[in-house]
Amino acid sequence: MGETSYAIGLGSNRYRGRSPRATVEAAIEALTGTADVALVARSPIVDTAPLGPGSRRYANAAILIETAFSPSELLQATQALERSFGRRRTRRWGDRILDLDILLWSGGCWGDAGLVIPHPEFRQRSFALGPLVAIAPAWIDPVTGLSIRQLETRQNRAIPVDRASPHP
């Protein structure tokens, strides 16, 4: 087993033979139930509002895994798993049976035509940061230099009111 670690975000909001929560559970088992991928940690599954035109609430979670897969190989494996669950890539941000995102990689940054790590939008998404902070609060985002806990705190903090400025 290699020593490469990844943080993977999982989400589901469509029923196809099982609930979205059960789909996320089954996806975790399927992804980590082989000799190629070891489960290191998993977050609780949380219910979140859809982003964009989705119509149903999502079941979201995050896992930490170790594998010898390169980022490209892991992308191929996660996309094959999505397809095996019935995922069809149609509308962006639409309802999904299963969505797997590679959020972070212990190798830092990665980019090619089909994959960018860290996930470019994870810092603005509470459905990614919430589960991530439960399992990897000290993981440092290689782009910002901030920990997952710091990113989650910044994302959730209220915008301060400037009380020094005069009111019109």
N, C-alpha and C. Protein backbone atom coordinates (compact mmCIF):
# COMPACT_ATOMS: atom_id res chain seq x y z
N MET A 1 0.85 -1.18 0.00
CA MET A 1 0.00 0.00 0.00
C MET A 1 0.89 1.23 0.00
N GLY A 2 0.56 2.17 -0.85
CA GLY A 2 1.32 3.41 -0.92
C GLY A 2 1.00 4.31 0.26
N GLU A 3 1.77 5.37 0.36
CA GLU A 3 1.57 6.30 1.45
C GLU A 3 0.92 7.60 0.99
N THR A 4 0.26 7.56 -0.15
CA THR A 4 -0.42 8.75 -0.64
C THR A 4 -1.79 8.84 -0.01
N SER A 5 -2.10 10.01 0.56
CA SER A 5 -3.40 10.23 1.19
C SER A 5 -4.23 11.17 0.33
N TYR A 6 -5.52 10.94 0.37
CA TYR A 6 -6.50 11.79 -0.32
C TYR A 6 -7.67 12.05 0.61
N ALA A 7 -8.28 13.21 0.46
CA ALA A 7 -9.57 13.50 1.07
C ALA A 7 -10.59 13.51 -0.06
N ILE A 8 -11.62 12.71 0.11
CA ILE A 8 -12.66 12.56 -0.90
C ILE A 8 -13.98 13.05 -0.33
N GLY A 9 -14.68 13.88 -1.07
CA GLY A 9 -16.03 14.31 -0.70
C GLY A 9 -17.04 13.44 -1.43
N LEU A 10 -18.10 13.05 -0.70
CA LEU A 10 -19.15 12.21 -1.28
C LEU A 10 -20.49 12.90 -1.08
N GLY A 11 -21.36 12.78 -2.06
CA GLY A 11 -22.69 13.35 -1.94
C GLY A 11 -23.70 12.58 -2.77
N SER A 12 -24.95 12.60 -2.32
CA SER A 12 -26.04 11.97 -3.05
C SER A 12 -27.34 12.66 -2.67
N ASN A 13 -28.23 12.84 -3.65
CA ASN A 13 -29.55 13.37 -3.31
C ASN A 13 -30.65 12.74 -4.16
N ARG A 14 -30.35 11.65 -4.84
CA ARG A 14 -31.38 10.95 -5.62
C ARG A 14 -31.57 9.55 -5.09
N TYR A 15 -32.80 9.15 -5.06
CA TYR A 15 -33.15 7.79 -4.65
C TYR A 15 -33.12 6.89 -5.87
N ARG A 16 -32.34 5.83 -5.80
CA ARG A 16 -32.36 4.80 -6.82
C ARG A 16 -32.13 3.48 -6.11
N GLY A 17 -33.21 2.93 -5.61
CA GLY A 17 -33.13 1.66 -4.90
C GLY A 17 -32.70 1.80 -3.45
N ARG A 18 -32.24 2.97 -3.06
CA ARG A 18 -31.86 3.23 -1.67
C ARG A 18 -31.84 4.73 -1.43
N SER A 19 -31.82 5.11 -0.17
CA SER A 19 -31.80 6.52 0.20
C SER A 19 -30.44 7.13 -0.12
N PRO A 20 -30.37 8.47 -0.24
CA PRO A 20 -29.06 9.09 -0.44
C PRO A 20 -28.05 8.73 0.65
N ARG A 21 -28.48 8.66 1.91
CA ARG A 21 -27.56 8.27 2.99
C ARG A 21 -27.03 6.86 2.75
N ALA A 22 -27.91 5.95 2.38
CA ALA A 22 -27.48 4.57 2.11
C ALA A 22 -26.56 4.51 0.90
N THR A 23 -26.79 5.38 -0.09
CA THR A 23 -25.91 5.44 -1.25
C THR A 23 -24.51 5.88 -0.84
N VAL A 24 -24.42 6.91 0.00
CA VAL A 24 -23.11 7.37 0.47
C VAL A 24 -22.41 6.25 1.25
N GLU A 25 -23.14 5.58 2.14
CA GLU A 25 -22.55 4.44 2.89
C GLU A 25 -22.03 3.37 1.93
N ALA A 26 -22.85 3.00 0.94
CA ALA A 26 -22.46 1.96 -0.01
C ALA A 26 -21.25 2.40 -0.84
N ALA A 27 -21.19 3.66 -1.20
CA ALA A 27 -20.05 4.16 -1.98
C ALA A 27 -18.76 4.11 -1.16
N ILE A 28 -18.84 4.45 0.12
CA ILE A 28 -17.65 4.36 0.99
C ILE A 28 -17.17 2.92 1.04
N GLU A 29 -18.11 1.99 1.24
CA GLU A 29 -17.74 0.57 1.29
C GLU A 29 -17.14 0.10 -0.03
N ALA A 30 -17.74 0.52 -1.14
CA ALA A 30 -17.25 0.08 -2.45
C ALA A 30 -15.86 0.64 -2.76
N LEU A 31 -15.64 1.91 -2.42
CA LEU A 31 -14.35 2.53 -2.72
C LEU A 31 -13.24 1.98 -1.82
N THR A 32 -13.55 1.72 -0.58
CA THR A 32 -12.52 1.30 0.37
C THR A 32 -12.53 -0.19 0.65
N GLY A 33 -13.37 -0.94 -0.06
CA GLY A 33 -13.48 -2.37 0.19
C GLY A 33 -12.55 -3.21 -0.65
N THR A 34 -11.49 -2.61 -1.16
CA THR A 34 -10.53 -3.36 -1.97
C THR A 34 -9.13 -3.24 -1.34
N ALA A 35 -8.22 -4.05 -1.81
CA ALA A 35 -6.85 -3.99 -1.32
C ALA A 35 -6.12 -2.74 -1.80
N ASP A 36 -6.68 -2.05 -2.81
CA ASP A 36 -6.02 -0.88 -3.39
C ASP A 36 -6.22 0.40 -2.59
N VAL A 37 -7.27 0.45 -1.76
CA VAL A 37 -7.62 1.67 -1.05
C VAL A 37 -7.91 1.35 0.41
N ALA A 38 -7.23 2.06 1.32
CA ALA A 38 -7.44 1.86 2.75
C ALA A 38 -8.18 3.07 3.33
N LEU A 39 -9.24 2.81 4.07
CA LEU A 39 -9.97 3.87 4.75
C LEU A 39 -9.21 4.27 6.00
N VAL A 40 -8.90 5.55 6.12
CA VAL A 40 -8.17 6.08 7.28
C VAL A 40 -9.16 6.71 8.27
N ALA A 41 -10.12 7.48 7.74
CA ALA A 41 -11.11 8.14 8.59
C ALA A 41 -12.33 8.47 7.74
N ARG A 42 -13.48 8.59 8.41
CA ARG A 42 -14.70 8.99 7.73
C ARG A 42 -15.49 9.93 8.62
N SER A 43 -16.11 10.89 7.99
CA SER A 43 -16.93 11.86 8.72
C SER A 43 -18.33 11.29 8.91
N PRO A 44 -19.08 11.92 9.80
CA PRO A 44 -20.52 11.60 9.82
C PRO A 44 -21.15 12.06 8.51
N ILE A 45 -22.27 11.49 8.17
CA ILE A 45 -23.03 11.94 7.00
C ILE A 45 -23.92 13.09 7.47
N VAL A 46 -23.90 14.19 6.72
CA VAL A 46 -24.70 15.37 7.08
C VAL A 46 -25.68 15.67 5.95
N ASP A 47 -26.82 16.23 6.32
CA ASP A 47 -27.82 16.66 5.34
C ASP A 47 -27.57 18.12 5.02
N THR A 48 -27.51 18.44 3.71
CA THR A 48 -27.22 19.81 3.30
C THR A 48 -28.16 20.24 2.18
N ALA A 49 -28.34 21.55 2.05
CA ALA A 49 -29.16 22.11 0.99
C ALA A 49 -28.44 21.95 -0.34
N PRO A 50 -29.20 21.83 -1.44
CA PRO A 50 -28.56 21.71 -2.75
C PRO A 50 -27.92 23.02 -3.18
N LEU A 51 -26.89 22.89 -4.00
CA LEU A 51 -26.21 24.04 -4.60
C LEU A 51 -26.72 24.15 -6.04
N GLY A 52 -27.13 25.31 -6.46
CA GLY A 52 -27.62 25.47 -7.82
C GLY A 52 -29.04 24.95 -7.99
N PRO A 53 -29.34 24.35 -9.16
CA PRO A 53 -30.72 23.99 -9.47
C PRO A 53 -31.19 22.66 -8.86
N GLY A 54 -30.39 22.02 -8.06
CA GLY A 54 -30.82 20.76 -7.44
C GLY A 54 -32.11 20.96 -6.66
N SER A 55 -32.92 19.91 -6.60
CA SER A 55 -34.23 20.07 -5.96
C SER A 55 -34.34 19.34 -4.62
N ARG A 56 -33.41 18.50 -4.29
CA ARG A 56 -33.50 17.72 -3.05
C ARG A 56 -32.27 17.97 -2.17
N ARG A 57 -32.46 17.79 -0.88
CA ARG A 57 -31.34 17.91 0.06
C ARG A 57 -30.35 16.77 -0.21
N TYR A 58 -29.09 17.06 0.07
CA TYR A 58 -28.02 16.10 -0.13
C TYR A 58 -27.64 15.41 1.18
N ALA A 59 -27.15 14.18 1.04
CA ALA A 59 -26.41 13.50 2.10
C ALA A 59 -24.95 13.66 1.70
N ASN A 60 -24.15 14.29 2.56
CA ASN A 60 -22.73 14.54 2.26
C ASN A 60 -21.84 13.96 3.35
N ALA A 61 -20.65 13.54 2.95
CA ALA A 61 -19.64 13.03 3.88
C ALA A 61 -18.28 13.23 3.25
N ALA A 62 -17.25 12.98 4.03
CA ALA A 62 -15.88 13.00 3.52
C ALA A 62 -15.14 11.82 4.12
N ILE A 63 -14.18 11.32 3.37
CA ILE A 63 -13.33 10.24 3.85
C ILE A 63 -11.88 10.58 3.57
N LEU A 64 -11.01 10.04 4.41
CA LEU A 64 -9.57 10.07 4.15
C LEU A 64 -9.17 8.65 3.77
N ILE A 65 -8.42 8.54 2.68
CA ILE A 65 -7.97 7.23 2.23
C ILE A 65 -6.47 7.27 1.97
N GLU A 66 -5.88 6.09 1.95
CA GLU A 66 -4.51 5.91 1.50
C GLU A 66 -4.53 4.92 0.36
N THR A 67 -3.74 5.22 -0.67
CA THR A 67 -3.68 4.37 -1.85
C THR A 67 -2.38 4.65 -2.61
N ALA A 68 -2.00 3.70 -3.44
CA ALA A 68 -0.86 3.90 -4.33
C ALA A 68 -1.29 4.56 -5.64
N PHE A 69 -2.59 4.77 -5.82
CA PHE A 69 -3.10 5.41 -7.04
C PHE A 69 -2.55 6.82 -7.20
N SER A 70 -2.23 7.17 -8.44
CA SER A 70 -1.92 8.56 -8.77
C SER A 70 -3.24 9.32 -8.77
N PRO A 71 -3.20 10.64 -8.76
CA PRO A 71 -4.46 11.40 -8.86
C PRO A 71 -5.29 11.00 -10.08
N SER A 72 -4.67 10.82 -11.23
CA SER A 72 -5.41 10.43 -12.44
C SER A 72 -6.04 9.05 -12.29
N GLU A 73 -5.31 8.12 -11.70
CA GLU A 73 -5.85 6.77 -11.48
C GLU A 73 -7.02 6.80 -10.50
N LEU A 74 -6.89 7.62 -9.45
CA LEU A 74 -7.99 7.72 -8.49
C LEU A 74 -9.21 8.36 -9.14
N LEU A 75 -9.00 9.36 -9.99
CA LEU A 75 -10.13 9.97 -10.71
C LEU A 75 -10.84 8.92 -11.55
N GLN A 76 -10.08 8.10 -12.26
CA GLN A 76 -10.69 7.04 -13.07
C GLN A 76 -11.51 6.09 -12.18
N ALA A 77 -10.96 5.73 -11.03
CA ALA A 77 -11.66 4.81 -10.12
C ALA A 77 -12.94 5.44 -9.57
N THR A 78 -12.88 6.73 -9.18
CA THR A 78 -14.07 7.37 -8.62
C THR A 78 -15.14 7.57 -9.70
N GLN A 79 -14.74 7.92 -10.91
CA GLN A 79 -15.73 8.08 -11.98
C GLN A 79 -16.36 6.74 -12.37
N ALA A 80 -15.58 5.67 -12.35
CA ALA A 80 -16.13 4.33 -12.63
C ALA A 80 -17.13 3.95 -11.54
N LEU A 81 -16.83 4.28 -10.29
CA LEU A 81 -17.75 3.99 -9.19
C LEU A 81 -19.04 4.79 -9.35
N GLU A 82 -18.91 6.08 -9.69
CA GLU A 82 -20.12 6.89 -9.93
C GLU A 82 -20.99 6.25 -11.02
N ARG A 83 -20.37 5.82 -12.12
CA ARG A 83 -21.13 5.19 -13.21
C ARG A 83 -21.78 3.89 -12.75
N SER A 84 -21.08 3.11 -11.93
CA SER A 84 -21.64 1.85 -11.46
C SER A 84 -22.86 2.06 -10.57
N PHE A 85 -22.96 3.24 -9.96
CA PHE A 85 -24.12 3.59 -9.14
C PHE A 85 -25.23 4.22 -9.98
N GLY A 86 -24.98 4.43 -11.27
CA GLY A 86 -25.99 4.98 -12.15
C GLY A 86 -25.83 6.45 -12.48
N ARG A 87 -24.71 7.04 -12.13
CA ARG A 87 -24.49 8.47 -12.40
C ARG A 87 -24.36 8.70 -13.89
N ARG A 88 -25.08 9.70 -14.36
CA ARG A 88 -24.95 10.17 -15.73
C ARG A 88 -24.62 11.65 -15.66
N ARG A 89 -23.56 12.06 -16.31
CA ARG A 89 -23.15 13.47 -16.26
C ARG A 89 -23.99 14.26 -17.25
N THR A 90 -24.91 15.02 -16.68
CA THR A 90 -25.79 15.84 -17.52
C THR A 90 -25.66 17.29 -17.09
N ARG A 91 -26.59 17.76 -16.31
CA ARG A 91 -26.62 19.17 -15.90
C ARG A 91 -25.68 19.43 -14.73
N ARG A 92 -24.90 20.52 -14.82
CA ARG A 92 -24.01 20.90 -13.74
C ARG A 92 -24.85 21.27 -12.52
N TRP A 93 -24.47 20.77 -11.37
CA TRP A 93 -25.11 21.03 -10.08
C TRP A 93 -26.54 20.47 -10.00
N GLY A 94 -26.89 19.57 -10.87
CA GLY A 94 -28.21 18.96 -10.81
C GLY A 94 -28.25 17.86 -9.76
N ASP A 95 -29.43 17.26 -9.61
CA ASP A 95 -29.60 16.14 -8.69
C ASP A 95 -28.70 15.00 -9.14
N ARG A 96 -28.14 14.27 -8.14
CA ARG A 96 -27.18 13.22 -8.47
C ARG A 96 -27.39 11.99 -7.60
N ILE A 97 -27.23 10.86 -8.23
CA ILE A 97 -27.24 9.61 -7.46
C ILE A 97 -25.99 9.54 -6.61
N LEU A 98 -24.85 9.86 -7.20
CA LEU A 98 -23.59 9.83 -6.46
C LEU A 98 -22.62 10.82 -7.08
N ASP A 99 -21.98 11.59 -6.21
CA ASP A 99 -20.95 12.53 -6.64
C ASP A 99 -19.74 12.32 -5.75
N LEU A 100 -18.61 12.02 -6.35
CA LEU A 100 -17.35 11.84 -5.63
C LEU A 100 -16.37 12.90 -6.12
N ASP A 101 -15.81 13.67 -5.20
CA ASP A 101 -14.83 14.69 -5.55
C ASP A 101 -13.53 14.47 -4.79
N ILE A 102 -12.42 14.51 -5.50
CA ILE A 102 -11.11 14.47 -4.86
C ILE A 102 -10.85 15.90 -4.38
N LEU A 103 -10.87 16.10 -3.07
CA LEU A 103 -10.75 17.43 -2.50
C LEU A 103 -9.31 17.82 -2.25
N LEU A 104 -8.53 16.91 -1.67
CA LEU A 104 -7.14 17.18 -1.29
C LEU A 104 -6.29 15.95 -1.54
N TRP A 105 -5.00 16.19 -1.69
CA TRP A 105 -4.02 15.13 -1.95
C TRP A 105 -2.78 15.46 -1.14
N SER A 106 -2.19 14.45 -0.51
CA SER A 106 -1.02 14.69 0.33
C SER A 106 0.18 15.17 -0.48
N GLY A 107 0.12 15.05 -1.79
CA GLY A 107 1.18 15.54 -2.66
C GLY A 107 1.10 17.04 -2.94
N GLY A 108 0.06 17.69 -2.43
CA GLY A 108 -0.08 19.14 -2.63
C GLY A 108 -1.02 19.46 -3.76
N CYS A 109 -0.50 20.12 -4.78
CA CYS A 109 -1.32 20.56 -5.91
C CYS A 109 -1.11 19.62 -7.09
N TRP A 110 -2.16 19.46 -7.88
CA TRP A 110 -2.12 18.63 -9.08
C TRP A 110 -3.04 19.27 -10.10
N GLY A 111 -2.67 19.19 -11.34
CA GLY A 111 -3.56 19.70 -12.38
C GLY A 111 -3.28 19.08 -13.71
N ASP A 112 -4.33 18.67 -14.38
CA ASP A 112 -4.26 18.27 -15.77
C ASP A 112 -5.60 18.61 -16.41
N ALA A 113 -5.84 18.15 -17.62
CA ALA A 113 -7.05 18.55 -18.34
C ALA A 113 -8.33 18.12 -17.62
N GLY A 114 -8.30 17.04 -16.86
CA GLY A 114 -9.52 16.54 -16.25
C GLY A 114 -9.62 16.66 -14.75
N LEU A 115 -8.57 17.16 -14.09
CA LEU A 115 -8.56 17.16 -12.63
C LEU A 115 -7.67 18.26 -12.09
N VAL A 116 -8.19 18.96 -11.08
CA VAL A 116 -7.41 19.95 -10.35
C VAL A 116 -7.55 19.63 -8.87
N ILE A 117 -6.40 19.50 -8.19
CA ILE A 117 -6.36 19.27 -6.74
C ILE A 117 -5.47 20.33 -6.13
N PRO A 118 -5.90 20.99 -5.05
CA PRO A 118 -7.15 20.85 -4.35
C PRO A 118 -8.34 21.22 -5.25
N HIS A 119 -9.48 20.64 -4.92
CA HIS A 119 -10.71 20.96 -5.65
C HIS A 119 -10.87 22.48 -5.63
N PRO A 120 -11.03 23.12 -6.78
CA PRO A 120 -11.01 24.58 -6.85
C PRO A 120 -12.08 25.28 -6.02
N GLU A 121 -13.19 24.61 -5.69
CA GLU A 121 -14.29 25.28 -5.02
C GLU A 121 -14.54 24.79 -3.59
N PHE A 122 -13.72 23.86 -3.09
CA PHE A 122 -14.04 23.28 -1.78
C PHE A 122 -14.00 24.30 -0.66
N ARG A 123 -13.20 25.36 -0.79
CA ARG A 123 -13.05 26.35 0.28
C ARG A 123 -14.33 27.15 0.52
N GLN A 124 -15.20 27.23 -0.47
CA GLN A 124 -16.44 27.99 -0.35
C GLN A 124 -17.65 27.11 -0.07
N ARG A 125 -17.45 25.85 0.13
CA ARG A 125 -18.58 24.92 0.25
C ARG A 125 -18.64 24.31 1.65
N SER A 126 -19.65 24.71 2.39
CA SER A 126 -19.80 24.19 3.75
C SER A 126 -20.06 22.69 3.74
N PHE A 127 -20.70 22.17 2.68
CA PHE A 127 -20.96 20.73 2.62
C PHE A 127 -19.68 19.93 2.41
N ALA A 128 -18.60 20.57 2.00
CA ALA A 128 -17.29 19.92 1.90
C ALA A 128 -16.47 20.20 3.15
N LEU A 129 -16.43 21.45 3.59
CA LEU A 129 -15.61 21.82 4.76
C LEU A 129 -16.11 21.21 6.05
N GLY A 130 -17.42 21.16 6.26
CA GLY A 130 -17.96 20.59 7.50
C GLY A 130 -17.51 19.16 7.72
N PRO A 131 -17.77 18.26 6.75
CA PRO A 131 -17.28 16.89 6.90
C PRO A 131 -15.75 16.80 6.98
N LEU A 132 -15.05 17.63 6.20
CA LEU A 132 -13.57 17.60 6.24
C LEU A 132 -13.02 17.99 7.60
N VAL A 133 -13.60 19.01 8.23
CA VAL A 133 -13.07 19.45 9.52
C VAL A 133 -13.26 18.36 10.58
N ALA A 134 -14.24 17.48 10.38
CA ALA A 134 -14.47 16.38 11.34
C ALA A 134 -13.38 15.33 11.27
N ILE A 135 -12.69 15.21 10.13
CA ILE A 135 -11.70 14.13 9.98
C ILE A 135 -10.28 14.62 9.73
N ALA A 136 -10.13 15.87 9.29
CA ALA A 136 -8.78 16.36 8.96
C ALA A 136 -8.65 17.85 9.28
N PRO A 137 -8.93 18.26 10.50
CA PRO A 137 -8.93 19.69 10.81
C PRO A 137 -7.57 20.36 10.63
N ALA A 138 -6.49 19.62 10.77
CA ALA A 138 -5.15 20.22 10.68
C ALA A 138 -4.54 20.13 9.28
N TRP A 139 -5.21 19.47 8.34
CA TRP A 139 -4.68 19.36 6.97
C TRP A 139 -4.54 20.77 6.42
N ILE A 140 -3.38 21.08 5.87
CA ILE A 140 -3.10 22.41 5.34
C ILE A 140 -3.42 22.46 3.85
N ASP A 141 -4.26 23.40 3.48
CA ASP A 141 -4.57 23.66 2.07
C ASP A 141 -3.30 24.21 1.43
N PRO A 142 -2.75 23.54 0.42
CA PRO A 142 -1.48 24.01 -0.17
C PRO A 142 -1.60 25.34 -0.92
N VAL A 143 -2.80 25.75 -1.24
CA VAL A 143 -2.98 27.01 -1.98
C VAL A 143 -3.00 28.20 -1.03
N THR A 144 -3.76 28.09 0.07
CA THR A 144 -3.92 29.23 0.98
C THR A 144 -2.97 29.18 2.17
N GLY A 145 -2.44 27.98 2.49
CA GLY A 145 -1.60 27.82 3.68
C GLY A 145 -2.42 27.73 4.96
N LEU A 146 -3.74 27.68 4.84
CA LEU A 146 -4.62 27.60 6.01
C LEU A 146 -5.04 26.16 6.27
N SER A 147 -5.31 25.85 7.53
CA SER A 147 -5.80 24.52 7.87
C SER A 147 -7.29 24.41 7.48
N ILE A 148 -7.76 23.20 7.41
CA ILE A 148 -9.18 22.98 7.12
C ILE A 148 -10.03 23.65 8.20
N ARG A 149 -9.62 23.57 9.45
CA ARG A 149 -10.37 24.24 10.53
C ARG A 149 -10.43 25.75 10.30
N GLN A 150 -9.31 26.34 9.91
CA GLN A 150 -9.30 27.79 9.65
C GLN A 150 -10.20 28.14 8.47
N LEU A 151 -10.15 27.35 7.41
CA LEU A 151 -11.02 27.60 6.26
C LEU A 151 -12.49 27.50 6.64
N GLU A 152 -12.82 26.48 7.43
CA GLU A 152 -14.21 26.27 7.84
C GLU A 152 -14.67 27.40 8.75
N THR A 153 -13.81 27.84 9.65
CA THR A 153 -14.16 28.96 10.53
C THR A 153 -14.39 30.23 9.72
N ARG A 154 -13.52 30.51 8.77
CA ARG A 154 -13.68 31.70 7.93
C ARG A 154 -14.97 31.62 7.10
N GLN A 155 -15.26 30.44 6.59
CA GLN A 155 -16.44 30.28 5.74
C GLN A 155 -17.72 30.47 6.54
N ASN A 156 -17.72 30.09 7.80
CA ASN A 156 -18.92 30.13 8.62
C ASN A 156 -19.06 31.39 9.47
N ARG A 157 -18.01 32.18 9.59
CA ARG A 157 -18.11 33.34 10.48
C ARG A 157 -18.98 34.43 9.86
N ALA A 158 -19.64 35.13 10.73
CA ALA A 158 -20.50 36.22 10.27
C ALA A 158 -19.64 37.39 9.79
N ILE A 159 -20.15 38.13 8.86
CA ILE A 159 -19.45 39.32 8.37
C ILE A 159 -19.55 40.39 9.47
N PRO A 160 -18.42 40.92 9.91
CA PRO A 160 -18.48 41.92 10.99
C PRO A 160 -19.13 43.22 10.54
N VAL A 161 -19.80 43.85 11.47
CA VAL A 161 -20.44 45.12 11.20
C VAL A 161 -19.44 46.21 11.57
N ASP A 162 -19.24 47.16 10.67
CA ASP A 162 -18.33 48.27 10.93
C ASP A 162 -19.10 49.33 11.70
N ARG A 163 -18.96 49.32 13.02
CA ARG A 163 -19.70 50.24 13.87
C ARG A 163 -19.07 51.64 13.92
N ALA A 164 -17.85 51.77 13.39
CA ALA A 164 -17.17 53.07 13.43
C ALA A 164 -17.67 54.01 12.32
N SER A 165 -18.24 53.44 11.25
CA SER A 165 -18.66 54.31 10.17
C SER A 165 -19.98 55.01 10.52
N PRO A 166 -20.10 56.26 10.15
CA PRO A 166 -21.33 57.00 10.47
C PRO A 166 -22.49 56.51 9.62
N HIS A 167 -23.68 56.54 10.20
CA HIS A 167 -24.88 56.15 9.47
C HIS A 167 -25.39 57.36 8.68
N PRO A 168 -25.87 57.16 7.48
CA PRO A 168 -26.37 58.29 6.69
C PRO A 168 -27.63 58.90 7.27
